[in-house]
Amino acid sequence: MDKITIGHDAGKIWLLLSNHKKWSCSDLKEKSGLKERELFAAIGWLARENKIEIVQEADELYVDLYVNVYIG
């Protein structure tokens, strides 16, 4: 796994999240076709870029797009 692959996988996840639905990591894994380590590398990439929010509910992690609104 290299940076280019991780960035590509992050793009896949971002596209899935672009419907503004909160996704469980298990649903993202299934829908994206990524292996667990690929999924979490992609999620880490998006988190580092401050593009997503990650929330733990019970035994599941959920991910959704971070909405950054500037009013100026």
PDB file of N, CA and C in Angstrom:
ATOM      1  N   MET A   1       0.859  -1.170   0.000  1.00  0.00           N
ATOM      2  CA  MET A   1       0.000   0.000   0.000  1.00  0.00           C
ATOM      3  C   MET A   1       0.904   1.231   0.000  1.00  0.00           C
ATOM      4  N   ASP A   2       0.641   2.159  -0.906  1.00  0.00           N
ATOM      5  CA  ASP A   2       1.417   3.392  -0.983  1.00  0.00           C
ATOM      6  C   ASP A   2       0.484   4.603  -0.929  1.00  0.00           C
ATOM      7  N   LYS A   3       1.064   5.797  -0.904  1.00  0.00           N
ATOM      8  CA  LYS A   3       0.266   7.018  -0.769  1.00  0.00           C
ATOM      9  C   LYS A   3      -0.708   7.205  -1.924  1.00  0.00           C
ATOM     10  N   ILE A   4      -0.298   6.840  -3.115  1.00  0.00           N
ATOM     11  CA  ILE A   4      -1.184   7.007  -4.271  1.00  0.00           C
ATOM     12  C   ILE A   4      -2.416   6.121  -4.119  1.00  0.00           C
ATOM     13  N   THR A   5      -2.210   4.879  -3.709  1.00  0.00           N
ATOM     14  CA  THR A   5      -3.327   3.949  -3.508  1.00  0.00           C
ATOM     15  C   THR A   5      -4.241   4.422  -2.389  1.00  0.00           C
ATOM     16  N   ILE A   6      -3.652   4.880  -1.295  1.00  0.00           N
ATOM     17  CA  ILE A   6      -4.454   5.372  -0.170  1.00  0.00           C
ATOM     18  C   ILE A   6      -5.275   6.585  -0.606  1.00  0.00           C
ATOM     19  N   GLY A   7      -4.669   7.493  -1.358  1.00  0.00           N
ATOM     20  CA  GLY A   7      -5.390   8.665  -1.851  1.00  0.00           C
ATOM     21  C   GLY A   7      -6.528   8.272  -2.780  1.00  0.00           C
ATOM     22  N   HIS A   8      -6.298   7.295  -3.626  1.00  0.00           N
ATOM     23  CA  HIS A   8      -7.345   6.796  -4.522  1.00  0.00           C
ATOM     24  C   HIS A   8      -8.494   6.184  -3.714  1.00  0.00           C
ATOM     25  N   ASP A   9      -8.144   5.380  -2.710  1.00  0.00           N
ATOM     26  CA  ASP A   9      -9.164   4.772  -1.845  1.00  0.00           C
ATOM     27  C   ASP A   9      -9.930   5.835  -1.067  1.00  0.00           C
ATOM     28  N   ALA A  10      -9.235   6.887  -0.637  1.00  0.00           N
ATOM     29  CA  ALA A  10      -9.900   7.993   0.067  1.00  0.00           C
ATOM     30  C   ALA A  10     -10.919   8.660  -0.858  1.00  0.00           C
ATOM     31  N   GLY A  11     -10.586   8.765  -2.125  1.00  0.00           N
ATOM     32  CA  GLY A  11     -11.529   9.316  -3.095  1.00  0.00           C
ATOM     33  C   GLY A  11     -12.776   8.463  -3.228  1.00  0.00           C
ATOM     34  N   LYS A  12     -12.615   7.145  -3.211  1.00  0.00           N
ATOM     35  CA  LYS A  12     -13.769   6.232  -3.251  1.00  0.00           C
ATOM     36  C   LYS A  12     -14.680   6.465  -2.058  1.00  0.00           C
ATOM     37  N   ILE A  13     -14.061   6.566  -0.881  1.00  0.00           N
ATOM     38  CA  ILE A  13     -14.848   6.765   0.339  1.00  0.00           C
ATOM     39  C   ILE A  13     -15.532   8.125   0.314  1.00  0.00           C
ATOM     40  N   TRP A  14     -14.812   9.154  -0.128  1.00  0.00           N
ATOM     41  CA  TRP A  14     -15.393  10.491  -0.197  1.00  0.00           C
ATOM     42  C   TRP A  14     -16.606  10.502  -1.110  1.00  0.00           C
ATOM     43  N   LEU A  15     -16.524   9.818  -2.255  1.00  0.00           N
ATOM     44  CA  LEU A  15     -17.669   9.750  -3.170  1.00  0.00           C
ATOM     45  C   LEU A  15     -18.870   9.072  -2.514  1.00  0.00           C
ATOM     46  N   LEU A  16     -18.625   8.010  -1.763  1.00  0.00           N
ATOM     47  CA  LEU A  16     -19.734   7.356  -1.059  1.00  0.00           C
ATOM     48  C   LEU A  16     -20.353   8.294  -0.026  1.00  0.00           C
ATOM     49  N   LEU A  17     -19.508   9.047   0.658  1.00  0.00           N
ATOM     50  CA  LEU A  17     -19.997   9.956   1.696  1.00  0.00           C
ATOM     51  C   LEU A  17     -20.668  11.196   1.125  1.00  0.00           C
ATOM     52  N   SER A  18     -20.476  11.463  -0.157  1.00  0.00           N
ATOM     53  CA  SER A  18     -20.981  12.704  -0.742  1.00  0.00           C
ATOM     54  C   SER A  18     -22.503  12.758  -0.822  1.00  0.00           C
ATOM     55  N   ASN A  19     -23.181  11.664  -0.488  1.00  0.00           N
ATOM     56  CA  ASN A  19     -24.650  11.708  -0.439  1.00  0.00           C
ATOM     57  C   ASN A  19     -25.134  12.271   0.898  1.00  0.00           C
ATOM     58  N   HIS A  20     -24.187  12.696   1.757  1.00  0.00           N
ATOM     59  CA  HIS A  20     -24.468  13.312   3.059  1.00  0.00           C
ATOM     60  C   HIS A  20     -25.222  12.394   4.010  1.00  0.00           C
ATOM     61  N   LYS A  21     -24.984  11.113   3.857  1.00  0.00           N
ATOM     62  CA  LYS A  21     -25.539  10.111   4.772  1.00  0.00           C
ATOM     63  C   LYS A  21     -24.432   9.695   5.727  1.00  0.00           C
ATOM     64  N   LYS A  22     -24.799   9.400   6.948  1.00  0.00           N
ATOM     65  CA  LYS A  22     -23.841   8.870   7.908  1.00  0.00           C
ATOM     66  C   LYS A  22     -23.690   7.375   7.636  1.00  0.00           C
ATOM     67  N   TRP A  23     -22.470   6.929   7.366  1.00  0.00           N
ATOM     68  CA  TRP A  23     -22.198   5.534   7.019  1.00  0.00           C
ATOM     69  C   TRP A  23     -21.486   4.830   8.166  1.00  0.00           C
ATOM     70  N   SER A  24     -21.858   3.587   8.414  1.00  0.00           N
ATOM     71  CA  SER A  24     -21.084   2.772   9.350  1.00  0.00           C
ATOM     72  C   SER A  24     -19.843   2.289   8.612  1.00  0.00           C
ATOM     73  N   CYS A  25     -18.777   2.030   9.343  1.00  0.00           N
ATOM     74  CA  CYS A  25     -17.559   1.532   8.704  1.00  0.00           C
ATOM     75  C   CYS A  25     -17.800   0.186   8.038  1.00  0.00           C
ATOM     76  N   SER A  26     -18.645  -0.639   8.625  1.00  0.00           N
ATOM     77  CA  SER A  26     -18.929  -1.935   8.001  1.00  0.00           C
ATOM     78  C   SER A  26     -19.659  -1.756   6.673  1.00  0.00           C
ATOM     79  N   ASP A  27     -20.579  -0.782   6.584  1.00  0.00           N
ATOM     80  CA  ASP A  27     -21.262  -0.508   5.315  1.00  0.00           C
ATOM     81  C   ASP A  27     -20.298   0.075   4.282  1.00  0.00           C
ATOM     82  N   LEU A  28     -19.411   0.968   4.728  1.00  0.00           N
ATOM     83  CA  LEU A  28     -18.422   1.534   3.817  1.00  0.00           C
ATOM     84  C   LEU A  28     -17.500   0.450   3.263  1.00  0.00           C
ATOM     85  N   LYS A  29     -17.107  -0.458   4.132  1.00  0.00           N
ATOM     86  CA  LYS A  29     -16.229  -1.559   3.713  1.00  0.00           C
ATOM     87  C   LYS A  29     -16.922  -2.414   2.656  1.00  0.00           C
ATOM     88  N   GLU A  30     -18.163  -2.748   2.913  1.00  0.00           N
ATOM     89  CA  GLU A  30     -18.922  -3.587   1.983  1.00  0.00           C
ATOM     90  C   GLU A  30     -19.138  -2.875   0.644  1.00  0.00           C
ATOM     91  N   LYS A  31     -19.579  -1.631   0.689  1.00  0.00           N
ATOM     92  CA  LYS A  31     -19.928  -0.902  -0.531  1.00  0.00           C
ATOM     93  C   LYS A  31     -18.686  -0.533  -1.356  1.00  0.00           C
ATOM     94  N   SER A  32     -17.583  -0.211  -0.675  1.00  0.00           N
ATOM     95  CA  SER A  32     -16.370   0.208  -1.383  1.00  0.00           C
ATOM     96  C   SER A  32     -15.578  -0.970  -1.929  1.00  0.00           C
ATOM     97  N   GLY A  33     -15.740  -2.129  -1.311  1.00  0.00           N
ATOM     98  CA  GLY A  33     -14.959  -3.290  -1.711  1.00  0.00           C
ATOM     99  C   GLY A  33     -13.533  -3.274  -1.175  1.00  0.00           C
ATOM    100  N   LEU A  34     -13.251  -2.349  -0.260  1.00  0.00           N
ATOM    101  CA  LEU A  34     -11.914  -2.256   0.314  1.00  0.00           C
ATOM    102  C   LEU A  34     -11.744  -3.245   1.457  1.00  0.00           C
ATOM    103  N   LYS A  35     -10.512  -3.670   1.663  1.00  0.00           N
ATOM    104  CA  LYS A  35     -10.193  -4.474   2.846  1.00  0.00           C
ATOM    105  C   LYS A  35     -10.177  -3.536   4.047  1.00  0.00           C
ATOM    106  N   GLU A  36     -10.252  -4.111   5.237  1.00  0.00           N
ATOM    107  CA  GLU A  36     -10.339  -3.289   6.445  1.00  0.00           C
ATOM    108  C   GLU A  36      -9.168  -2.319   6.569  1.00  0.00           C
ATOM    109  N   ARG A  37      -7.953  -2.786   6.361  1.00  0.00           N
ATOM    110  CA  ARG A  37      -6.800  -1.893   6.519  1.00  0.00           C
ATOM    111  C   ARG A  37      -6.793  -0.802   5.455  1.00  0.00           C
ATOM    112  N   GLU A  38      -7.266  -1.099   4.240  1.00  0.00           N
ATOM    113  CA  GLU A  38      -7.361  -0.093   3.185  1.00  0.00           C
ATOM    114  C   GLU A  38      -8.413   0.954   3.542  1.00  0.00           C
ATOM    115  N   LEU A  39      -9.538   0.477   4.077  1.00  0.00           N
ATOM    116  CA  LEU A  39     -10.609   1.390   4.488  1.00  0.00           C
ATOM    117  C   LEU A  39     -10.123   2.348   5.565  1.00  0.00           C
ATOM    118  N   PHE A  40      -9.465   1.815   6.594  1.00  0.00           N
ATOM    119  CA  PHE A  40      -9.042   2.681   7.692  1.00  0.00           C
ATOM    120  C   PHE A  40      -7.894   3.603   7.295  1.00  0.00           C
ATOM    121  N   ALA A  41      -7.060   3.193   6.345  1.00  0.00           N
ATOM    122  CA  ALA A  41      -6.041   4.107   5.818  1.00  0.00           C
ATOM    123  C   ALA A  41      -6.714   5.267   5.081  1.00  0.00           C
ATOM    124  N   ALA A  42      -7.739   4.954   4.289  1.00  0.00           N
ATOM    125  CA  ALA A  42      -8.478   5.985   3.556  1.00  0.00           C
ATOM    126  C   ALA A  42      -9.214   6.922   4.509  1.00  0.00           C
ATOM    127  N   ILE A  43      -9.818   6.359   5.541  1.00  0.00           N
ATOM    128  CA  ILE A  43     -10.503   7.177   6.548  1.00  0.00           C
ATOM    129  C   ILE A  43      -9.495   8.086   7.259  1.00  0.00           C
ATOM    130  N   GLY A  44      -8.323   7.555   7.571  1.00  0.00           N
ATOM    131  CA  GLY A  44      -7.271   8.360   8.190  1.00  0.00           C
ATOM    132  C   GLY A  44      -6.846   9.513   7.304  1.00  0.00           C
ATOM    133  N   TRP A  45      -6.742   9.253   6.011  1.00  0.00           N
ATOM    134  CA  TRP A  45      -6.385  10.298   5.036  1.00  0.00           C
ATOM    135  C   TRP A  45      -7.417  11.426   5.073  1.00  0.00           C
ATOM    136  N   LEU A  46      -8.690  11.037   5.000  1.00  0.00           N
ATOM    137  CA  LEU A  46      -9.769  12.037   5.002  1.00  0.00           C
ATOM    138  C   LEU A  46      -9.847  12.773   6.341  1.00  0.00           C
ATOM    139  N   ALA A  47      -9.599  12.066   7.427  1.00  0.00           N
ATOM    140  CA  ALA A  47      -9.625  12.701   8.743  1.00  0.00           C
ATOM    141  C   ALA A  47      -8.487  13.720   8.863  1.00  0.00           C
ATOM    142  N   ARG A  48      -7.323  13.375   8.345  1.00  0.00           N
ATOM    143  CA  ARG A  48      -6.179  14.280   8.398  1.00  0.00           C
ATOM    144  C   ARG A  48      -6.443  15.554   7.590  1.00  0.00           C
ATOM    145  N   GLU A  49      -7.207  15.403   6.511  1.00  0.00           N
ATOM    146  CA  GLU A  49      -7.576  16.556   5.699  1.00  0.00           C
ATOM    147  C   GLU A  49      -8.791  17.289   6.260  1.00  0.00           C
ATOM    148  N   ASN A  50      -9.284  16.850   7.406  1.00  0.00           N
ATOM    149  CA  ASN A  50     -10.420  17.469   8.093  1.00  0.00           C
ATOM    150  C   ASN A  50     -11.684  17.462   7.221  1.00  0.00           C
ATOM    151  N   LYS A  51     -11.890  16.366   6.485  1.00  0.00           N
ATOM    152  CA  LYS A  51     -13.037  16.260   5.587  1.00  0.00           C
ATOM    153  C   LYS A  51     -14.161  15.406   6.151  1.00  0.00           C
ATOM    154  N   ILE A  52     -13.901  14.696   7.240  1.00  0.00           N
ATOM    155  CA  ILE A  52     -14.920  13.803   7.786  1.00  0.00           C
ATOM    156  C   ILE A  52     -15.019  13.949   9.289  1.00  0.00           C
ATOM    157  N   GLU A  53     -16.148  13.491   9.788  1.00  0.00           N
ATOM    158  CA  GLU A  53     -16.350  13.348  11.227  1.00  0.00           C
ATOM    159  C   GLU A  53     -16.506  11.858  11.510  1.00  0.00           C
ATOM    160  N   ILE A  54     -15.940  11.423  12.603  1.00  0.00           N
ATOM    161  CA  ILE A  54     -16.028  10.022  13.002  1.00  0.00           C
ATOM    162  C   ILE A  54     -16.701   9.979  14.361  1.00  0.00           C
ATOM    163  N   VAL A  55     -17.755   9.175  14.465  1.00  0.00           N
ATOM    164  CA  VAL A  55     -18.528   9.081  15.702  1.00  0.00           C
ATOM    165  C   VAL A  55     -18.666   7.616  16.085  1.00  0.00           C
ATOM    166  N   GLN A  56     -18.455   7.311  17.347  1.00  0.00           N
ATOM    167  CA  GLN A  56     -18.661   5.949  17.838  1.00  0.00           C
ATOM    168  C   GLN A  56     -20.029   5.873  18.492  1.00  0.00           C
ATOM    169  N   GLU A  57     -20.845   4.938  18.028  1.00  0.00           N
ATOM    170  CA  GLU A  57     -22.157   4.679  18.622  1.00  0.00           C
ATOM    171  C   GLU A  57     -22.239   3.196  18.919  1.00  0.00           C
ATOM    172  N   ALA A  58     -22.373   2.880  20.186  1.00  0.00           N
ATOM    173  CA  ALA A  58     -22.380   1.478  20.638  1.00  0.00           C
ATOM    174  C   ALA A  58     -21.100   0.804  20.153  1.00  0.00           C
ATOM    175  N   ASP A  59     -21.212  -0.262  19.404  1.00  0.00           N
ATOM    176  CA  ASP A  59     -20.039  -1.009  18.953  1.00  0.00           C
ATOM    177  C   ASP A  59     -19.625  -0.685  17.526  1.00  0.00           C
ATOM    178  N   GLU A  60     -20.142   0.382  16.965  1.00  0.00           N
ATOM    179  CA  GLU A  60     -19.885   0.697  15.552  1.00  0.00           C
ATOM    180  C   GLU A  60     -19.343   2.109  15.398  1.00  0.00           C
ATOM    181  N   LEU A  61     -18.406   2.269  14.464  1.00  0.00           N
ATOM    182  CA  LEU A  61     -17.924   3.592  14.086  1.00  0.00           C
ATOM    183  C   LEU A  61     -18.732   4.081  12.897  1.00  0.00           C
ATOM    184  N   TYR A  62     -19.088   5.353  12.914  1.00  0.00           N
ATOM    185  CA  TYR A  62     -19.816   5.974  11.812  1.00  0.00           C
ATOM    186  C   TYR A  62     -18.999   7.135  11.274  1.00  0.00           C
ATOM    187  N   VAL A  63     -19.093   7.336   9.975  1.00  0.00           N
ATOM    188  CA  VAL A  63     -18.337   8.376   9.301  1.00  0.00           C
ATOM    189  C   VAL A  63     -19.301   9.198   8.449  1.00  0.00           C
ATOM    190  N   ASP A  64     -19.138  10.505   8.478  1.00  0.00           N
ATOM    191  CA  ASP A  64     -19.875  11.357   7.552  1.00  0.00           C
ATOM    192  C   ASP A  64     -19.016  12.554   7.190  1.00  0.00           C
ATOM    193  N   LEU A  65     -19.417  13.263   6.146  1.00  0.00           N
ATOM    194  CA  LEU A  65     -18.636  14.413   5.697  1.00  0.00           C
ATOM    195  C   LEU A  65     -18.705  15.523   6.734  1.00  0.00           C
ATOM    196  N   TYR A  66     -17.586  16.166   6.921  1.00  0.00           N
ATOM    197  CA  TYR A  66     -17.516  17.318   7.804  1.00  0.00           C
ATOM    198  C   TYR A  66     -17.995  18.523   7.026  1.00  0.00           C
ATOM    199  N   VAL A  67     -18.979  19.203   7.548  1.00  0.00           N
ATOM    200  CA  VAL A  67     -19.524  20.378   6.883  1.00  0.00           C
ATOM    201  C   VAL A  67     -18.864  21.611   7.489  1.00  0.00           C
ATOM    202  N   ASN A  68     -18.127  22.308   6.642  1.00  0.00           N
ATOM    203  CA  ASN A  68     -17.440  23.510   7.072  1.00  0.00           C
ATOM    204  C   ASN A  68     -18.095  24.692   6.370  1.00  0.00           C
ATOM    205  N   VAL A  69     -18.796  25.493   7.123  1.00  0.00           N
ATOM    206  CA  VAL A  69     -19.538  26.610   6.539  1.00  0.00           C
ATOM    207  C   VAL A  69     -18.847  27.909   6.959  1.00  0.00           C
ATOM    208  N   TYR A  70     -18.542  28.730   5.969  1.00  0.00           N
ATOM    209  CA  TYR A  70     -17.965  30.034   6.233  1.00  0.00           C
ATOM    210  C   TYR A  70     -19.005  31.101   5.897  1.00  0.00           C
ATOM    211  N   ILE A  71     -19.310  31.907   6.876  1.00  0.00           N
ATOM    212  CA  ILE A  71     -20.228  33.019   6.655  1.00  0.00           C
ATOM    213  C   ILE A  71     -19.446  34.295   6.914  1.00  0.00           C
ATOM    214  N   GLY A  72     -19.279  35.067   5.899  1.00  0.00           N
ATOM    215  CA  GLY A  72     -18.431  36.238   6.070  1.00  0.00           C
ATOM    216  C   GLY A  72     -18.930  37.358   5.331  1.00  0.00           C
TER     217      GLY A  72
END
